Amino acid sequence: MKTESSLYEQGLVYFKKGAYEQAERCFLAAIEAEPGHAPAWNKLGVLYVHKRDFQQAAECFQAAIGHDPKLAAAYSNLGNIYLEEGDLESAAAAYRWAIDTDPECATAYHNLGVLYKQMGNINEGIKYLKKAAKLNRRRPWQGQEPPKLEAVRKIIWLAIIVLLLLIIFKQQ
């Protein structure tokens, strides 16, 4: 039998492929196996956003936060729901909670910056957008899997071969 983590990971694979029905089944199974699986609740919420079911998405994000109050992505995603509903103050509060929870959460800084610009507070918006850009430079694959090490190894071996060839040709 699959564990809730492997069900969650399988759901992520389906989600990335756009196979939302299969992803939903995996996330729900992960939650059934472990009701406190906050990342599964969060991704299920993102899936419901893709289906434009904002009410159900908000409930999932709130469940994720309830199970893991340190999951910044869930606060940021909830902020996006509030923004979609036109509740700018609640959106700003959710983004600030995400930042308070994880001061390195570039997505929350970006979302807050965009929100401030929408509200006409250009200077504050630019400040947060610059902070998001700075964090993204430091953590370029935040929220995603880093590139596979195999590709890095190939580049290193290629560089070593080129250096060896240069040394050989210089000696001749």
N, C-alpha and C. Protein backbone atom coordinates (compact mmCIF):
# COMPACT_ATOMS: atom_id res chain seq x y z
N MET A 1 0.84 -1.20 0.00
CA MET A 1 0.00 0.00 0.00
C MET A 1 0.88 1.26 0.00
N LYS A 2 0.46 2.27 -0.70
CA LYS A 2 1.24 3.49 -0.80
C LYS A 2 1.04 4.33 0.45
N THR A 3 2.12 5.01 0.85
CA THR A 3 2.01 5.92 1.99
C THR A 3 1.42 7.23 1.52
N GLU A 4 1.02 8.06 2.49
CA GLU A 4 0.44 9.35 2.13
C GLU A 4 1.45 10.22 1.39
N SER A 5 2.76 10.09 1.71
CA SER A 5 3.76 10.90 1.02
C SER A 5 3.88 10.48 -0.44
N SER A 6 3.89 9.18 -0.72
CA SER A 6 4.01 8.76 -2.11
C SER A 6 2.73 9.10 -2.89
N LEU A 7 1.58 9.04 -2.23
CA LEU A 7 0.33 9.46 -2.88
C LEU A 7 0.40 10.95 -3.21
N TYR A 8 0.91 11.73 -2.26
CA TYR A 8 1.07 13.17 -2.48
C TYR A 8 2.02 13.43 -3.65
N GLU A 9 3.16 12.74 -3.65
CA GLU A 9 4.14 12.92 -4.72
C GLU A 9 3.58 12.50 -6.07
N GLN A 10 2.82 11.42 -6.09
CA GLN A 10 2.17 10.98 -7.32
C GLN A 10 1.17 12.05 -7.78
N GLY A 11 0.46 12.64 -6.82
CA GLY A 11 -0.46 13.72 -7.16
C GLY A 11 0.26 14.91 -7.78
N LEU A 12 1.44 15.22 -7.27
CA LEU A 12 2.23 16.32 -7.84
C LEU A 12 2.60 16.03 -9.29
N VAL A 13 2.97 14.79 -9.57
CA VAL A 13 3.32 14.41 -10.95
C VAL A 13 2.12 14.58 -11.86
N TYR A 14 0.96 14.07 -11.43
CA TYR A 14 -0.26 14.24 -12.22
C TYR A 14 -0.59 15.72 -12.40
N PHE A 15 -0.44 16.49 -11.33
CA PHE A 15 -0.78 17.91 -11.38
C PHE A 15 0.09 18.62 -12.42
N LYS A 16 1.40 18.33 -12.40
CA LYS A 16 2.32 18.98 -13.36
C LYS A 16 1.97 18.62 -14.80
N LYS A 17 1.41 17.42 -14.99
CA LYS A 17 1.01 16.97 -16.33
C LYS A 17 -0.35 17.53 -16.75
N GLY A 18 -1.04 18.17 -15.81
CA GLY A 18 -2.37 18.69 -16.11
C GLY A 18 -3.46 17.65 -15.97
N ALA A 19 -3.13 16.50 -15.38
CA ALA A 19 -4.11 15.43 -15.16
C ALA A 19 -4.76 15.68 -13.80
N TYR A 20 -5.67 16.66 -13.77
CA TYR A 20 -6.21 17.16 -12.51
C TYR A 20 -7.10 16.15 -11.78
N GLU A 21 -7.83 15.35 -12.52
CA GLU A 21 -8.70 14.37 -11.86
C GLU A 21 -7.86 13.34 -11.09
N GLN A 22 -6.80 12.84 -11.74
CA GLN A 22 -5.93 11.88 -11.06
C GLN A 22 -5.21 12.54 -9.89
N ALA A 23 -4.77 13.78 -10.09
CA ALA A 23 -4.08 14.51 -9.02
C ALA A 23 -5.01 14.69 -7.83
N GLU A 24 -6.25 15.06 -8.10
CA GLU A 24 -7.22 15.25 -7.02
C GLU A 24 -7.42 13.96 -6.23
N ARG A 25 -7.55 12.83 -6.94
CA ARG A 25 -7.71 11.55 -6.24
C ARG A 25 -6.51 11.25 -5.35
N CYS A 26 -5.31 11.53 -5.85
CA CYS A 26 -4.09 11.27 -5.05
C CYS A 26 -4.03 12.17 -3.82
N PHE A 27 -4.32 13.45 -4.00
CA PHE A 27 -4.27 14.37 -2.85
C PHE A 27 -5.32 13.99 -1.81
N LEU A 28 -6.52 13.65 -2.27
CA LEU A 28 -7.57 13.25 -1.34
C LEU A 28 -7.19 11.96 -0.61
N ALA A 29 -6.57 11.02 -1.31
CA ALA A 29 -6.14 9.77 -0.68
C ALA A 29 -5.04 10.04 0.34
N ALA A 30 -4.13 10.95 0.02
CA ALA A 30 -3.06 11.32 0.97
C ALA A 30 -3.67 11.94 2.22
N ILE A 31 -4.67 12.78 2.04
CA ILE A 31 -5.34 13.43 3.17
C ILE A 31 -6.13 12.41 3.98
N GLU A 32 -6.77 11.47 3.29
CA GLU A 32 -7.52 10.43 4.00
C GLU A 32 -6.57 9.58 4.85
N ALA A 33 -5.38 9.29 4.31
CA ALA A 33 -4.39 8.49 5.05
C ALA A 33 -3.79 9.28 6.21
N GLU A 34 -3.63 10.58 6.00
CA GLU A 34 -3.08 11.46 7.05
C GLU A 34 -3.81 12.80 6.97
N PRO A 35 -4.88 12.97 7.75
CA PRO A 35 -5.68 14.20 7.67
C PRO A 35 -4.88 15.49 7.91
N GLY A 36 -3.77 15.41 8.59
CA GLY A 36 -2.96 16.60 8.86
C GLY A 36 -1.89 16.87 7.83
N HIS A 37 -1.97 16.26 6.66
CA HIS A 37 -0.96 16.43 5.60
C HIS A 37 -1.15 17.79 4.94
N ALA A 38 -0.58 18.82 5.55
CA ALA A 38 -0.79 20.21 5.10
C ALA A 38 -0.39 20.44 3.65
N PRO A 39 0.76 19.93 3.17
CA PRO A 39 1.10 20.16 1.76
C PRO A 39 0.04 19.59 0.80
N ALA A 40 -0.55 18.45 1.16
CA ALA A 40 -1.60 17.88 0.30
C ALA A 40 -2.83 18.78 0.30
N TRP A 41 -3.21 19.30 1.47
CA TRP A 41 -4.33 20.25 1.54
C TRP A 41 -4.04 21.46 0.66
N ASN A 42 -2.80 21.98 0.75
CA ASN A 42 -2.43 23.17 -0.02
C ASN A 42 -2.52 22.91 -1.52
N LYS A 43 -1.94 21.80 -1.97
CA LYS A 43 -1.97 21.50 -3.41
C LYS A 43 -3.38 21.20 -3.89
N LEU A 44 -4.19 20.57 -3.04
CA LEU A 44 -5.58 20.34 -3.40
C LEU A 44 -6.28 21.69 -3.61
N GLY A 45 -5.95 22.66 -2.76
CA GLY A 45 -6.49 24.01 -2.94
C GLY A 45 -6.06 24.63 -4.25
N VAL A 46 -4.80 24.47 -4.61
CA VAL A 46 -4.31 24.99 -5.88
C VAL A 46 -5.05 24.32 -7.04
N LEU A 47 -5.29 23.04 -6.91
CA LEU A 47 -6.04 22.32 -7.93
C LEU A 47 -7.45 22.90 -8.08
N TYR A 48 -8.09 23.19 -6.95
CA TYR A 48 -9.44 23.78 -7.02
C TYR A 48 -9.41 25.19 -7.61
N VAL A 49 -8.32 25.90 -7.42
CA VAL A 49 -8.19 27.21 -8.08
C VAL A 49 -8.18 27.00 -9.60
N HIS A 50 -7.46 25.98 -10.07
CA HIS A 50 -7.43 25.69 -11.50
C HIS A 50 -8.83 25.36 -12.03
N LYS A 51 -9.65 24.77 -11.16
CA LYS A 51 -11.03 24.46 -11.54
C LYS A 51 -11.97 25.65 -11.33
N ARG A 52 -11.41 26.75 -10.84
CA ARG A 52 -12.16 27.98 -10.55
C ARG A 52 -13.19 27.78 -9.43
N ASP A 53 -12.93 26.84 -8.54
CA ASP A 53 -13.78 26.60 -7.36
C ASP A 53 -13.10 27.26 -6.17
N PHE A 54 -13.26 28.58 -6.08
CA PHE A 54 -12.52 29.37 -5.09
C PHE A 54 -12.96 29.09 -3.65
N GLN A 55 -14.23 28.77 -3.47
CA GLN A 55 -14.71 28.47 -2.12
C GLN A 55 -14.02 27.23 -1.58
N GLN A 56 -14.01 26.17 -2.39
CA GLN A 56 -13.37 24.93 -1.95
C GLN A 56 -11.86 25.12 -1.80
N ALA A 57 -11.27 25.91 -2.68
CA ALA A 57 -9.83 26.19 -2.60
C ALA A 57 -9.50 26.89 -1.28
N ALA A 58 -10.30 27.91 -0.94
CA ALA A 58 -10.07 28.64 0.31
C ALA A 58 -10.17 27.71 1.52
N GLU A 59 -11.15 26.80 1.49
CA GLU A 59 -11.29 25.85 2.60
C GLU A 59 -10.06 24.95 2.71
N CYS A 60 -9.52 24.55 1.58
CA CYS A 60 -8.30 23.71 1.60
C CYS A 60 -7.10 24.49 2.15
N PHE A 61 -6.95 25.75 1.72
CA PHE A 61 -5.83 26.54 2.21
C PHE A 61 -5.96 26.77 3.72
N GLN A 62 -7.18 27.02 4.17
CA GLN A 62 -7.39 27.19 5.61
C GLN A 62 -7.11 25.91 6.37
N ALA A 63 -7.47 24.77 5.79
CA ALA A 63 -7.16 23.48 6.43
C ALA A 63 -5.65 23.28 6.49
N ALA A 64 -4.95 23.62 5.42
CA ALA A 64 -3.49 23.49 5.40
C ALA A 64 -2.86 24.33 6.50
N ILE A 65 -3.34 25.57 6.64
CA ILE A 65 -2.82 26.47 7.67
C ILE A 65 -3.15 25.92 9.06
N GLY A 66 -4.34 25.38 9.21
CA GLY A 66 -4.74 24.80 10.49
C GLY A 66 -3.84 23.64 10.90
N HIS A 67 -3.39 22.86 9.93
CA HIS A 67 -2.53 21.71 10.22
C HIS A 67 -1.06 22.09 10.31
N ASP A 68 -0.66 23.15 9.58
CA ASP A 68 0.73 23.60 9.63
C ASP A 68 0.77 25.12 9.52
N PRO A 69 0.70 25.82 10.67
CA PRO A 69 0.68 27.28 10.65
C PRO A 69 1.95 27.92 10.08
N LYS A 70 2.96 27.12 9.77
CA LYS A 70 4.20 27.65 9.21
C LYS A 70 4.30 27.44 7.69
N LEU A 71 3.22 26.99 7.06
CA LEU A 71 3.21 26.75 5.62
C LEU A 71 2.87 28.05 4.89
N ALA A 72 3.91 28.80 4.57
CA ALA A 72 3.75 30.13 3.97
C ALA A 72 2.99 30.08 2.66
N ALA A 73 3.20 29.04 1.86
CA ALA A 73 2.52 28.95 0.57
C ALA A 73 1.00 28.96 0.73
N ALA A 74 0.51 28.33 1.78
CA ALA A 74 -0.94 28.30 1.99
C ALA A 74 -1.49 29.70 2.28
N TYR A 75 -0.75 30.50 3.07
CA TYR A 75 -1.18 31.88 3.34
C TYR A 75 -1.18 32.69 2.04
N SER A 76 -0.12 32.54 1.26
CA SER A 76 -0.02 33.28 0.01
C SER A 76 -1.14 32.88 -0.95
N ASN A 77 -1.41 31.57 -1.03
CA ASN A 77 -2.50 31.10 -1.90
C ASN A 77 -3.86 31.61 -1.42
N LEU A 78 -4.05 31.64 -0.11
CA LEU A 78 -5.29 32.18 0.44
C LEU A 78 -5.42 33.67 0.09
N GLY A 79 -4.29 34.37 0.16
CA GLY A 79 -4.28 35.78 -0.25
C GLY A 79 -4.73 35.95 -1.69
N ASN A 80 -4.31 35.04 -2.55
CA ASN A 80 -4.73 35.10 -3.95
C ASN A 80 -6.24 34.92 -4.10
N ILE A 81 -6.83 34.07 -3.26
CA ILE A 81 -8.29 33.89 -3.28
C ILE A 81 -8.97 35.20 -2.86
N TYR A 82 -8.48 35.80 -1.78
CA TYR A 82 -9.06 37.08 -1.33
C TYR A 82 -8.94 38.14 -2.42
N LEU A 83 -7.80 38.17 -3.08
CA LEU A 83 -7.59 39.14 -4.15
C LEU A 83 -8.59 38.88 -5.29
N GLU A 84 -8.76 37.63 -5.64
CA GLU A 84 -9.72 37.26 -6.70
C GLU A 84 -11.13 37.71 -6.33
N GLU A 85 -11.46 37.66 -5.03
CA GLU A 85 -12.80 38.05 -4.57
C GLU A 85 -12.90 39.57 -4.36
N GLY A 86 -11.79 40.30 -4.53
CA GLY A 86 -11.81 41.75 -4.37
C GLY A 86 -11.61 42.22 -2.95
N ASP A 87 -11.27 41.33 -2.04
CA ASP A 87 -11.03 41.68 -0.63
C ASP A 87 -9.54 42.00 -0.46
N LEU A 88 -9.16 43.23 -0.83
CA LEU A 88 -7.75 43.61 -0.88
C LEU A 88 -7.10 43.63 0.50
N GLU A 89 -7.83 44.06 1.52
CA GLU A 89 -7.25 44.11 2.87
C GLU A 89 -6.94 42.70 3.39
N SER A 90 -7.86 41.78 3.18
CA SER A 90 -7.61 40.39 3.61
C SER A 90 -6.48 39.77 2.81
N ALA A 91 -6.41 40.11 1.52
CA ALA A 91 -5.31 39.60 0.68
C ALA A 91 -3.97 40.10 1.22
N ALA A 92 -3.90 41.39 1.51
CA ALA A 92 -2.64 41.96 2.04
C ALA A 92 -2.28 41.31 3.37
N ALA A 93 -3.27 41.10 4.22
CA ALA A 93 -3.00 40.46 5.53
C ALA A 93 -2.48 39.04 5.33
N ALA A 94 -3.06 38.29 4.39
CA ALA A 94 -2.60 36.91 4.14
C ALA A 94 -1.18 36.91 3.60
N TYR A 95 -0.86 37.82 2.70
CA TYR A 95 0.51 37.89 2.18
C TYR A 95 1.50 38.25 3.29
N ARG A 96 1.08 39.17 4.17
CA ARG A 96 1.97 39.53 5.30
C ARG A 96 2.17 38.33 6.23
N TRP A 97 1.12 37.54 6.45
CA TRP A 97 1.26 36.34 7.27
C TRP A 97 2.26 35.38 6.63
N ALA A 98 2.18 35.24 5.31
CA ALA A 98 3.12 34.37 4.60
C ALA A 98 4.56 34.85 4.81
N ILE A 99 4.75 36.16 4.71
CA ILE A 99 6.09 36.74 4.89
C ILE A 99 6.55 36.59 6.33
N ASP A 100 5.65 36.80 7.28
CA ASP A 100 6.01 36.62 8.69
C ASP A 100 6.38 35.17 8.97
N THR A 101 5.68 34.26 8.32
CA THR A 101 5.91 32.82 8.51
C THR A 101 7.23 32.40 7.87
N ASP A 102 7.49 32.90 6.67
CA ASP A 102 8.73 32.58 5.94
C ASP A 102 9.25 33.85 5.29
N PRO A 103 10.18 34.55 5.95
CA PRO A 103 10.72 35.80 5.40
C PRO A 103 11.45 35.62 4.06
N GLU A 104 11.63 34.40 3.62
CA GLU A 104 12.28 34.12 2.34
C GLU A 104 11.27 33.75 1.24
N CYS A 105 9.99 33.88 1.52
CA CYS A 105 8.94 33.48 0.57
C CYS A 105 8.78 34.55 -0.52
N ALA A 106 9.52 34.38 -1.60
CA ALA A 106 9.53 35.36 -2.69
C ALA A 106 8.14 35.56 -3.29
N THR A 107 7.36 34.50 -3.38
CA THR A 107 6.02 34.59 -3.97
C THR A 107 5.14 35.56 -3.18
N ALA A 108 5.22 35.50 -1.86
CA ALA A 108 4.39 36.38 -1.04
C ALA A 108 4.82 37.85 -1.22
N TYR A 109 6.14 38.10 -1.28
CA TYR A 109 6.61 39.47 -1.52
C TYR A 109 6.12 39.95 -2.89
N HIS A 110 6.21 39.09 -3.89
CA HIS A 110 5.76 39.46 -5.23
C HIS A 110 4.26 39.79 -5.22
N ASN A 111 3.47 38.89 -4.63
CA ASN A 111 2.03 39.10 -4.59
C ASN A 111 1.66 40.38 -3.85
N LEU A 112 2.35 40.64 -2.75
CA LEU A 112 2.08 41.87 -1.99
C LEU A 112 2.48 43.10 -2.79
N GLY A 113 3.60 43.00 -3.51
CA GLY A 113 4.03 44.11 -4.36
C GLY A 113 3.03 44.42 -5.45
N VAL A 114 2.52 43.39 -6.09
CA VAL A 114 1.51 43.58 -7.14
C VAL A 114 0.24 44.19 -6.54
N LEU A 115 -0.14 43.70 -5.37
CA LEU A 115 -1.34 44.22 -4.71
C LEU A 115 -1.19 45.71 -4.39
N TYR A 116 -0.04 46.09 -3.83
CA TYR A 116 0.18 47.50 -3.52
C TYR A 116 0.13 48.36 -4.78
N LYS A 117 0.69 47.86 -5.86
CA LYS A 117 0.64 48.62 -7.12
C LYS A 117 -0.80 48.77 -7.58
N GLN A 118 -1.61 47.71 -7.45
CA GLN A 118 -3.03 47.78 -7.82
C GLN A 118 -3.77 48.80 -6.98
N MET A 119 -3.36 48.91 -5.71
CA MET A 119 -4.03 49.84 -4.79
C MET A 119 -3.54 51.28 -4.98
N GLY A 120 -2.57 51.46 -5.89
CA GLY A 120 -2.06 52.80 -6.17
C GLY A 120 -0.86 53.19 -5.33
N ASN A 121 -0.37 52.31 -4.47
CA ASN A 121 0.80 52.58 -3.65
C ASN A 121 2.03 52.04 -4.39
N ILE A 122 2.44 52.80 -5.41
CA ILE A 122 3.50 52.35 -6.32
C ILE A 122 4.82 52.13 -5.59
N ASN A 123 5.22 53.08 -4.73
CA ASN A 123 6.51 52.95 -4.05
C ASN A 123 6.57 51.70 -3.18
N GLU A 124 5.51 51.43 -2.44
CA GLU A 124 5.48 50.24 -1.59
C GLU A 124 5.48 48.98 -2.47
N GLY A 125 4.75 49.04 -3.57
CA GLY A 125 4.70 47.91 -4.49
C GLY A 125 6.08 47.59 -5.06
N ILE A 126 6.79 48.63 -5.48
CA ILE A 126 8.13 48.44 -6.04
C ILE A 126 9.07 47.85 -4.99
N LYS A 127 8.95 48.33 -3.75
CA LYS A 127 9.79 47.82 -2.67
C LYS A 127 9.63 46.31 -2.51
N TYR A 128 8.40 45.84 -2.51
CA TYR A 128 8.15 44.41 -2.33
C TYR A 128 8.52 43.61 -3.58
N LEU A 129 8.31 44.17 -4.75
CA LEU A 129 8.70 43.48 -5.98
C LEU A 129 10.22 43.34 -6.07
N LYS A 130 10.95 44.37 -5.63
CA LYS A 130 12.41 44.28 -5.62
C LYS A 130 12.88 43.21 -4.65
N LYS A 131 12.23 43.14 -3.49
CA LYS A 131 12.59 42.11 -2.50
C LYS A 131 12.32 40.72 -3.08
N ALA A 132 11.22 40.54 -3.78
CA ALA A 132 10.90 39.25 -4.40
C ALA A 132 11.97 38.88 -5.44
N ALA A 133 12.36 39.86 -6.25
CA ALA A 133 13.37 39.59 -7.27
C ALA A 133 14.71 39.20 -6.63
N LYS A 134 15.06 39.88 -5.56
CA LYS A 134 16.31 39.56 -4.85
C LYS A 134 16.26 38.14 -4.29
N LEU A 135 15.15 37.77 -3.69
CA LEU A 135 15.00 36.42 -3.15
C LEU A 135 15.02 35.37 -4.26
N ASN A 136 14.40 35.68 -5.38
CA ASN A 136 14.39 34.73 -6.50
C ASN A 136 15.79 34.52 -7.07
N ARG A 137 16.62 35.53 -7.03
CA ARG A 137 18.01 35.36 -7.48
C ARG A 137 18.78 34.43 -6.56
N ARG A 138 18.46 34.51 -5.24
CA ARG A 138 19.14 33.64 -4.27
C ARG A 138 18.57 32.24 -4.26
N ARG A 139 17.26 32.12 -4.49
CA ARG A 139 16.59 30.81 -4.49
C ARG A 139 15.81 30.66 -5.79
N PRO A 140 16.51 30.50 -6.92
CA PRO A 140 15.84 30.57 -8.22
C PRO A 140 14.79 29.49 -8.46
N TRP A 141 14.86 28.37 -7.80
CA TRP A 141 13.86 27.34 -8.03
C TRP A 141 12.94 27.16 -6.83
N GLN A 142 12.72 28.25 -6.09
CA GLN A 142 11.82 28.20 -4.94
C GLN A 142 10.46 27.67 -5.35
N GLY A 143 9.98 26.72 -4.57
CA GLY A 143 8.67 26.16 -4.86
C GLY A 143 8.69 25.10 -5.95
N GLN A 144 9.83 24.85 -6.51
CA GLN A 144 9.97 23.84 -7.54
C GLN A 144 11.15 22.95 -7.17
N GLU A 145 11.27 21.85 -7.87
CA GLU A 145 12.40 20.98 -7.62
C GLU A 145 13.63 21.58 -8.29
N PRO A 146 14.78 21.53 -7.60
CA PRO A 146 16.01 22.03 -8.24
C PRO A 146 16.37 21.14 -9.42
N PRO A 147 17.19 21.68 -10.33
CA PRO A 147 17.58 20.87 -11.48
C PRO A 147 18.26 19.57 -11.03
N LYS A 148 18.12 18.56 -11.84
CA LYS A 148 18.71 17.27 -11.52
C LYS A 148 20.23 17.39 -11.52
N LEU A 149 20.86 16.72 -10.58
CA LEU A 149 22.32 16.76 -10.47
C LEU A 149 22.99 16.14 -11.67
N GLU A 150 22.31 15.26 -12.36
CA GLU A 150 22.91 14.60 -13.53
C GLU A 150 23.32 15.63 -14.57
N ALA A 151 22.49 16.62 -14.81
CA ALA A 151 22.82 17.67 -15.78
C ALA A 151 24.04 18.46 -15.32
N VAL A 152 24.13 18.73 -14.03
CA VAL A 152 25.28 19.47 -13.50
C VAL A 152 26.54 18.63 -13.66
N ARG A 153 26.45 17.34 -13.39
CA ARG A 153 27.60 16.44 -13.54
C ARG A 153 28.10 16.44 -14.99
N LYS A 154 27.19 16.40 -15.93
CA LYS A 154 27.58 16.40 -17.35
C LYS A 154 28.33 17.67 -17.71
N ILE A 155 27.87 18.79 -17.20
CA ILE A 155 28.53 20.06 -17.48
C ILE A 155 29.93 20.08 -16.86
N ILE A 156 30.05 19.58 -15.65
CA ILE A 156 31.36 19.55 -14.99
C ILE A 156 32.31 18.66 -15.76
N TRP A 157 31.85 17.47 -16.18
CA TRP A 157 32.72 16.58 -16.96
C TRP A 157 33.11 17.22 -18.28
N LEU A 158 32.20 17.89 -18.93
CA LEU A 158 32.51 18.58 -20.18
C LEU A 158 33.57 19.64 -19.95
N ALA A 159 33.45 20.41 -18.87
CA ALA A 159 34.44 21.43 -18.56
C ALA A 159 35.81 20.80 -18.29
N ILE A 160 35.84 19.68 -17.59
CA ILE A 160 37.11 18.99 -17.30
C ILE A 160 37.75 18.52 -18.60
N ILE A 161 36.97 17.95 -19.49
CA ILE A 161 37.50 17.48 -20.77
C ILE A 161 38.07 18.63 -21.58
N VAL A 162 37.34 19.74 -21.63
CA VAL A 162 37.82 20.91 -22.37
C VAL A 162 39.13 21.41 -21.77
N LEU A 163 39.21 21.48 -20.44
CA LEU A 163 40.45 21.92 -19.79
C LEU A 163 41.60 20.97 -20.11
N LEU A 164 41.36 19.69 -20.06
CA LEU A 164 42.41 18.71 -20.37
C LEU A 164 42.88 18.86 -21.82
N LEU A 165 41.96 19.06 -22.74
CA LEU A 165 42.33 19.26 -24.14
C LEU A 165 43.15 20.53 -24.31
N LEU A 166 42.78 21.59 -23.61
CA LEU A 166 43.56 22.83 -23.68
C LEU A 166 44.97 22.63 -23.15
N ILE A 167 45.09 21.89 -22.07
CA ILE A 167 46.41 21.62 -21.49
C ILE A 167 47.25 20.80 -22.46
N ILE A 168 46.65 19.78 -23.06
CA ILE A 168 47.37 18.93 -24.01
C ILE A 168 47.85 19.72 -25.22
N PHE A 169 46.95 20.55 -25.78
CA PHE A 169 47.32 21.33 -26.96
C PHE A 169 48.37 22.40 -26.63
N LYS A 170 48.34 22.93 -25.43
CA LYS A 170 49.32 23.96 -25.03
C LYS A 170 50.71 23.35 -24.87
N GLN A 171 50.75 22.09 -24.46
CA GLN A 171 52.04 21.43 -24.26
C GLN A 171 52.70 21.04 -25.58
N GLN A 172 51.95 20.98 -26.64
CA GLN A 172 52.51 20.59 -27.94
C GLN A 172 53.15 21.73 -28.66
